[in-house]
């Protein structure tokens, strides 16, 4: 991941509603959610939600797919993992410090 991509992704998440939307999509997994389901889940007005979904989609953290008359939004797990990798690639002086089952550095 390039630093400009990381900045765009982090900027998209640096807003409470967008962070809440992204986390809701991460929790639901690959099946994703429609905008209506997101409105019900997080209680944000639909007009506001569409703006936030556009920003998350533009950042690459969320994908959009049309299924019939519905739009399905999904967290882009590959992009999320690339961002996490970018943020932690120089952790522990550049040494590999994560175990397979761990989410935290061994030496941190």
N, C-alpha and C. Protein backbone atom coordinates (compact mmCIF):
# COMPACT_ATOMS: atom_id res chain seq x y z
N UNK A 1 0.84 -1.17 0.00
CA UNK A 1 0.00 0.00 0.00
C UNK A 1 0.89 1.24 0.00
N UNK A 2 0.54 2.19 -0.81
CA UNK A 2 1.25 3.47 -0.89
C UNK A 2 0.79 4.38 0.26
N UNK A 3 1.62 5.31 0.63
CA UNK A 3 1.27 6.20 1.74
C UNK A 3 0.04 7.04 1.42
N UNK A 4 -0.14 7.46 0.16
CA UNK A 4 -1.33 8.24 -0.19
C UNK A 4 -2.60 7.43 -0.02
N UNK A 5 -2.54 6.14 -0.34
CA UNK A 5 -3.70 5.27 -0.15
C UNK A 5 -4.00 5.11 1.33
N UNK A 6 -2.97 4.98 2.14
CA UNK A 6 -3.16 4.84 3.59
C UNK A 6 -3.80 6.10 4.16
N UNK A 7 -3.33 7.24 3.72
CA UNK A 7 -3.89 8.51 4.20
C UNK A 7 -5.36 8.62 3.82
N UNK A 8 -5.71 8.25 2.58
CA UNK A 8 -7.10 8.30 2.13
C UNK A 8 -7.98 7.36 2.97
N UNK A 9 -7.47 6.17 3.25
CA UNK A 9 -8.23 5.22 4.05
C UNK A 9 -8.41 5.71 5.48
N UNK A 10 -7.33 6.20 6.06
CA UNK A 10 -7.41 6.70 7.44
C UNK A 10 -8.31 7.92 7.53
N UNK A 11 -8.26 8.80 6.53
CA UNK A 11 -9.13 9.98 6.52
C UNK A 11 -10.60 9.56 6.45
N UNK A 12 -10.89 8.53 5.67
CA UNK A 12 -12.27 8.06 5.57
C UNK A 12 -12.77 7.53 6.91
N UNK A 13 -11.90 6.91 7.68
CA UNK A 13 -12.29 6.34 8.97
C UNK A 13 -12.26 7.37 10.10
N UNK A 14 -11.73 8.55 9.83
CA UNK A 14 -11.57 9.56 10.87
C UNK A 14 -12.83 10.40 11.05
N UNK A 15 -13.96 9.76 10.97
CA UNK A 15 -15.25 10.41 11.17
C UNK A 15 -16.13 9.37 11.87
N UNK A 16 -16.79 9.74 12.96
CA UNK A 16 -17.50 8.75 13.77
C UNK A 16 -18.54 7.90 13.03
N UNK A 17 -19.34 8.51 12.17
CA UNK A 17 -20.37 7.72 11.47
C UNK A 17 -19.73 6.76 10.49
N UNK A 18 -18.72 7.22 9.74
CA UNK A 18 -18.07 6.33 8.79
C UNK A 18 -17.37 5.18 9.50
N UNK A 19 -16.75 5.45 10.62
CA UNK A 19 -16.13 4.37 11.40
C UNK A 19 -17.19 3.37 11.87
N UNK A 20 -18.31 3.88 12.30
CA UNK A 20 -19.41 3.01 12.74
C UNK A 20 -19.95 2.17 11.58
N UNK A 21 -20.10 2.77 10.41
CA UNK A 21 -20.57 2.04 9.23
C UNK A 21 -19.57 0.95 8.86
N UNK A 22 -18.30 1.32 8.81
CA UNK A 22 -17.27 0.35 8.44
C UNK A 22 -17.25 -0.81 9.42
N UNK A 23 -17.31 -0.52 10.71
CA UNK A 23 -17.29 -1.59 11.71
C UNK A 23 -18.52 -2.49 11.58
N UNK A 24 -19.67 -1.92 11.27
CA UNK A 24 -20.88 -2.73 11.07
C UNK A 24 -20.70 -3.66 9.87
N UNK A 25 -20.07 -3.17 8.81
CA UNK A 25 -19.84 -4.01 7.63
C UNK A 25 -18.80 -5.09 7.92
N UNK A 26 -17.81 -4.79 8.73
CA UNK A 26 -16.82 -5.80 9.12
C UNK A 26 -17.49 -6.90 9.93
N UNK A 27 -18.35 -6.52 10.85
CA UNK A 27 -19.03 -7.50 11.71
C UNK A 27 -19.90 -8.44 10.90
N UNK A 28 -20.63 -7.91 9.93
CA UNK A 28 -21.54 -8.75 9.15
C UNK A 28 -20.80 -9.65 8.17
N UNK A 29 -19.59 -9.26 7.80
CA UNK A 29 -18.78 -10.12 6.94
C UNK A 29 -19.09 -9.98 5.47
N UNK A 30 -18.72 -10.99 4.69
CA UNK A 30 -18.81 -10.90 3.22
C UNK A 30 -20.23 -10.79 2.67
N UNK A 31 -21.24 -11.12 3.45
CA UNK A 31 -22.61 -11.00 2.92
C UNK A 31 -23.02 -9.54 2.74
N UNK A 32 -22.43 -8.63 3.50
CA UNK A 32 -22.70 -7.21 3.35
C UNK A 32 -24.07 -6.81 3.82
N UNK A 33 -24.36 -5.52 3.64
CA UNK A 33 -25.65 -4.96 4.07
C UNK A 33 -26.16 -3.98 3.02
N UNK A 34 -27.48 -3.87 2.96
CA UNK A 34 -28.10 -2.84 2.13
C UNK A 34 -28.07 -1.53 2.92
N UNK A 35 -28.23 -0.41 2.22
CA UNK A 35 -28.31 0.86 2.95
C UNK A 35 -29.44 0.88 3.98
N UNK A 36 -30.57 0.28 3.64
CA UNK A 36 -31.69 0.22 4.58
C UNK A 36 -31.33 -0.54 5.85
N UNK A 37 -30.62 -1.65 5.69
CA UNK A 37 -30.20 -2.42 6.87
C UNK A 37 -29.19 -1.63 7.70
N UNK A 38 -28.32 -0.88 7.02
CA UNK A 38 -27.36 -0.04 7.75
C UNK A 38 -28.07 1.07 8.52
N UNK A 39 -29.08 1.68 7.91
CA UNK A 39 -29.86 2.72 8.60
C UNK A 39 -30.46 2.13 9.86
N UNK A 40 -31.05 0.94 9.75
CA UNK A 40 -31.64 0.28 10.92
C UNK A 40 -30.59 -0.08 11.96
N UNK A 41 -29.44 -0.53 11.51
CA UNK A 41 -28.40 -1.01 12.43
C UNK A 41 -27.74 0.12 13.21
N UNK A 42 -27.48 1.25 12.56
CA UNK A 42 -26.73 2.30 13.26
C UNK A 42 -27.53 3.56 13.51
N UNK A 43 -28.74 3.64 12.97
CA UNK A 43 -29.62 4.75 13.28
C UNK A 43 -29.20 6.10 12.71
N UNK A 44 -28.59 6.09 11.55
CA UNK A 44 -28.21 7.34 10.89
C UNK A 44 -29.22 7.60 9.76
N UNK A 45 -29.57 8.86 9.50
CA UNK A 45 -30.52 9.13 8.41
C UNK A 45 -29.99 8.65 7.06
N UNK A 46 -30.88 8.18 6.21
CA UNK A 46 -30.49 7.63 4.91
C UNK A 46 -29.73 8.64 4.06
N UNK A 47 -30.13 9.90 4.09
CA UNK A 47 -29.44 10.91 3.29
C UNK A 47 -28.01 11.10 3.76
N UNK A 48 -27.79 11.05 5.04
CA UNK A 48 -26.43 11.16 5.59
C UNK A 48 -25.63 9.90 5.28
N UNK A 49 -26.28 8.75 5.38
CA UNK A 49 -25.60 7.48 5.14
C UNK A 49 -25.04 7.41 3.72
N UNK A 50 -25.79 7.88 2.74
CA UNK A 50 -25.31 7.79 1.36
C UNK A 50 -24.02 8.59 1.18
N UNK A 51 -23.90 9.73 1.83
CA UNK A 51 -22.67 10.52 1.76
C UNK A 51 -21.51 9.74 2.37
N UNK A 52 -21.72 9.14 3.52
CA UNK A 52 -20.66 8.39 4.19
C UNK A 52 -20.27 7.14 3.41
N UNK A 53 -21.24 6.46 2.83
CA UNK A 53 -20.93 5.28 2.01
C UNK A 53 -20.11 5.67 0.78
N UNK A 54 -20.42 6.82 0.20
CA UNK A 54 -19.65 7.31 -0.96
C UNK A 54 -18.20 7.55 -0.56
N UNK A 55 -17.97 8.15 0.58
CA UNK A 55 -16.61 8.41 1.05
C UNK A 55 -15.86 7.11 1.33
N UNK A 56 -16.52 6.16 1.95
CA UNK A 56 -15.87 4.87 2.25
C UNK A 56 -15.58 4.10 0.97
N UNK A 57 -16.49 4.17 0.00
CA UNK A 57 -16.28 3.51 -1.28
C UNK A 57 -15.12 4.16 -2.03
N UNK A 58 -15.07 5.48 -2.01
CA UNK A 58 -13.98 6.20 -2.68
C UNK A 58 -12.62 5.85 -2.07
N UNK A 59 -12.58 5.61 -0.77
CA UNK A 59 -11.33 5.26 -0.10
C UNK A 59 -10.90 3.83 -0.40
N UNK A 60 -11.80 3.01 -0.92
CA UNK A 60 -11.49 1.62 -1.21
C UNK A 60 -11.76 0.67 -0.05
N UNK A 61 -12.23 1.20 1.06
CA UNK A 61 -12.49 0.35 2.23
C UNK A 61 -13.83 -0.37 2.15
N UNK A 62 -14.69 0.07 1.26
CA UNK A 62 -16.02 -0.52 1.10
C UNK A 62 -16.26 -0.73 -0.39
N UNK A 63 -16.87 -1.86 -0.72
CA UNK A 63 -17.26 -2.12 -2.10
C UNK A 63 -18.78 -2.09 -2.20
N UNK A 64 -19.25 -1.87 -3.41
CA UNK A 64 -20.67 -1.78 -3.67
C UNK A 64 -21.02 -2.73 -4.81
N UNK A 65 -22.11 -3.48 -4.65
CA UNK A 65 -22.56 -4.39 -5.71
C UNK A 65 -24.07 -4.30 -5.83
N UNK A 66 -24.53 -4.27 -7.05
CA UNK A 66 -25.98 -4.27 -7.28
C UNK A 66 -26.46 -5.71 -7.37
N UNK A 67 -27.48 -6.01 -6.58
CA UNK A 67 -28.15 -7.32 -6.64
C UNK A 67 -29.63 -7.05 -6.88
N UNK A 68 -30.04 -7.16 -8.12
CA UNK A 68 -31.42 -6.83 -8.46
C UNK A 68 -31.66 -5.35 -8.24
N UNK A 69 -32.63 -5.03 -7.40
CA UNK A 69 -32.93 -3.63 -7.11
C UNK A 69 -32.15 -3.10 -5.91
N UNK A 70 -31.38 -3.94 -5.26
CA UNK A 70 -30.67 -3.55 -4.05
C UNK A 70 -29.19 -3.30 -4.29
N UNK A 71 -28.66 -2.38 -3.54
CA UNK A 71 -27.22 -2.19 -3.48
C UNK A 71 -26.73 -2.89 -2.21
N UNK A 72 -25.67 -3.65 -2.34
CA UNK A 72 -25.07 -4.34 -1.20
C UNK A 72 -23.69 -3.72 -0.97
N UNK A 73 -23.45 -3.29 0.24
CA UNK A 73 -22.15 -2.74 0.61
C UNK A 73 -21.42 -3.75 1.48
N UNK A 74 -20.13 -3.91 1.19
CA UNK A 74 -19.29 -4.86 1.92
C UNK A 74 -17.98 -4.19 2.32
N UNK A 75 -17.46 -4.59 3.46
CA UNK A 75 -16.13 -4.15 3.85
C UNK A 75 -15.13 -4.80 2.90
N UNK A 76 -14.15 -4.04 2.46
CA UNK A 76 -13.09 -4.56 1.59
C UNK A 76 -11.97 -5.07 2.50
N UNK A 77 -12.07 -6.34 2.86
CA UNK A 77 -11.14 -6.92 3.83
C UNK A 77 -9.70 -6.90 3.33
N UNK A 78 -9.51 -7.07 2.02
CA UNK A 78 -8.15 -7.02 1.50
C UNK A 78 -7.54 -5.63 1.70
N UNK A 79 -8.33 -4.60 1.48
CA UNK A 79 -7.86 -3.22 1.68
C UNK A 79 -7.61 -2.95 3.16
N UNK A 80 -8.52 -3.44 4.02
CA UNK A 80 -8.36 -3.27 5.46
C UNK A 80 -7.07 -3.94 5.92
N UNK A 81 -6.83 -5.15 5.46
CA UNK A 81 -5.61 -5.87 5.85
C UNK A 81 -4.36 -5.20 5.30
N UNK A 82 -4.45 -4.63 4.09
CA UNK A 82 -3.31 -3.90 3.54
C UNK A 82 -3.01 -2.66 4.38
N UNK A 83 -4.04 -1.98 4.84
CA UNK A 83 -3.85 -0.81 5.69
C UNK A 83 -3.22 -1.21 7.02
N UNK A 84 -3.71 -2.28 7.62
CA UNK A 84 -3.12 -2.76 8.88
C UNK A 84 -1.67 -3.17 8.67
N UNK A 85 -1.39 -3.82 7.56
CA UNK A 85 -0.01 -4.21 7.26
C UNK A 85 0.88 -3.00 7.08
N UNK A 86 0.38 -1.98 6.38
CA UNK A 86 1.15 -0.76 6.17
C UNK A 86 1.46 -0.09 7.51
N UNK A 87 0.48 -0.06 8.40
CA UNK A 87 0.67 0.60 9.70
C UNK A 87 1.63 -0.15 10.61
N UNK A 88 1.74 -1.45 10.42
CA UNK A 88 2.56 -2.25 11.33
C UNK A 88 3.82 -2.82 10.70
N UNK A 89 4.11 -2.48 9.44
CA UNK A 89 5.24 -3.11 8.76
C UNK A 89 6.59 -2.79 9.40
N UNK A 90 6.72 -1.70 10.07
CA UNK A 90 7.99 -1.36 10.71
C UNK A 90 7.92 -1.50 12.23
N UNK A 91 6.91 -2.17 12.69
CA UNK A 91 6.77 -2.45 14.12
C UNK A 91 7.95 -3.32 14.57
N UNK A 92 8.39 -3.14 15.76
CA UNK A 92 9.47 -3.97 16.33
C UNK A 92 10.75 -3.90 15.50
N UNK A 93 11.10 -2.69 15.09
CA UNK A 93 12.31 -2.45 14.31
C UNK A 93 12.36 -3.26 13.01
N UNK A 94 11.20 -3.48 12.40
CA UNK A 94 11.14 -4.18 11.13
C UNK A 94 11.17 -5.69 11.22
N UNK A 95 11.23 -6.24 12.41
CA UNK A 95 11.25 -7.70 12.59
C UNK A 95 9.82 -8.24 12.62
N UNK A 96 9.65 -9.44 12.14
CA UNK A 96 8.35 -10.10 12.23
C UNK A 96 8.07 -10.38 13.70
N UNK A 97 6.98 -9.84 14.19
CA UNK A 97 6.72 -10.00 15.62
C UNK A 97 5.33 -10.54 15.91
N UNK A 98 4.54 -10.79 14.90
CA UNK A 98 3.21 -11.34 15.12
C UNK A 98 3.23 -12.85 14.97
N UNK A 99 2.60 -13.51 15.91
CA UNK A 99 2.42 -14.94 15.77
C UNK A 99 1.19 -15.18 14.91
N UNK A 100 1.00 -16.36 14.43
CA UNK A 100 -0.13 -16.67 13.56
C UNK A 100 -1.46 -16.40 14.26
N UNK A 101 -1.56 -16.72 15.54
CA UNK A 101 -2.81 -16.57 16.28
C UNK A 101 -2.93 -15.24 17.01
N UNK A 102 -2.00 -14.35 16.82
CA UNK A 102 -1.96 -13.12 17.59
C UNK A 102 -2.39 -11.92 16.78
N UNK A 103 -2.90 -10.91 17.47
CA UNK A 103 -3.20 -9.63 16.83
C UNK A 103 -2.36 -8.52 17.44
N UNK A 104 -1.49 -8.86 18.34
CA UNK A 104 -0.62 -7.86 18.97
C UNK A 104 0.82 -8.31 18.86
N UNK A 105 1.72 -7.36 18.81
CA UNK A 105 3.15 -7.66 18.71
C UNK A 105 3.62 -8.39 19.97
N UNK A 106 4.49 -9.33 19.79
CA UNK A 106 5.04 -10.08 20.92
C UNK A 106 5.86 -9.17 21.82
N UNK A 107 6.64 -8.27 21.23
CA UNK A 107 7.53 -7.45 22.03
C UNK A 107 6.90 -6.11 22.43
N UNK A 108 5.68 -5.85 22.02
CA UNK A 108 5.05 -4.56 22.36
C UNK A 108 4.21 -4.69 23.62
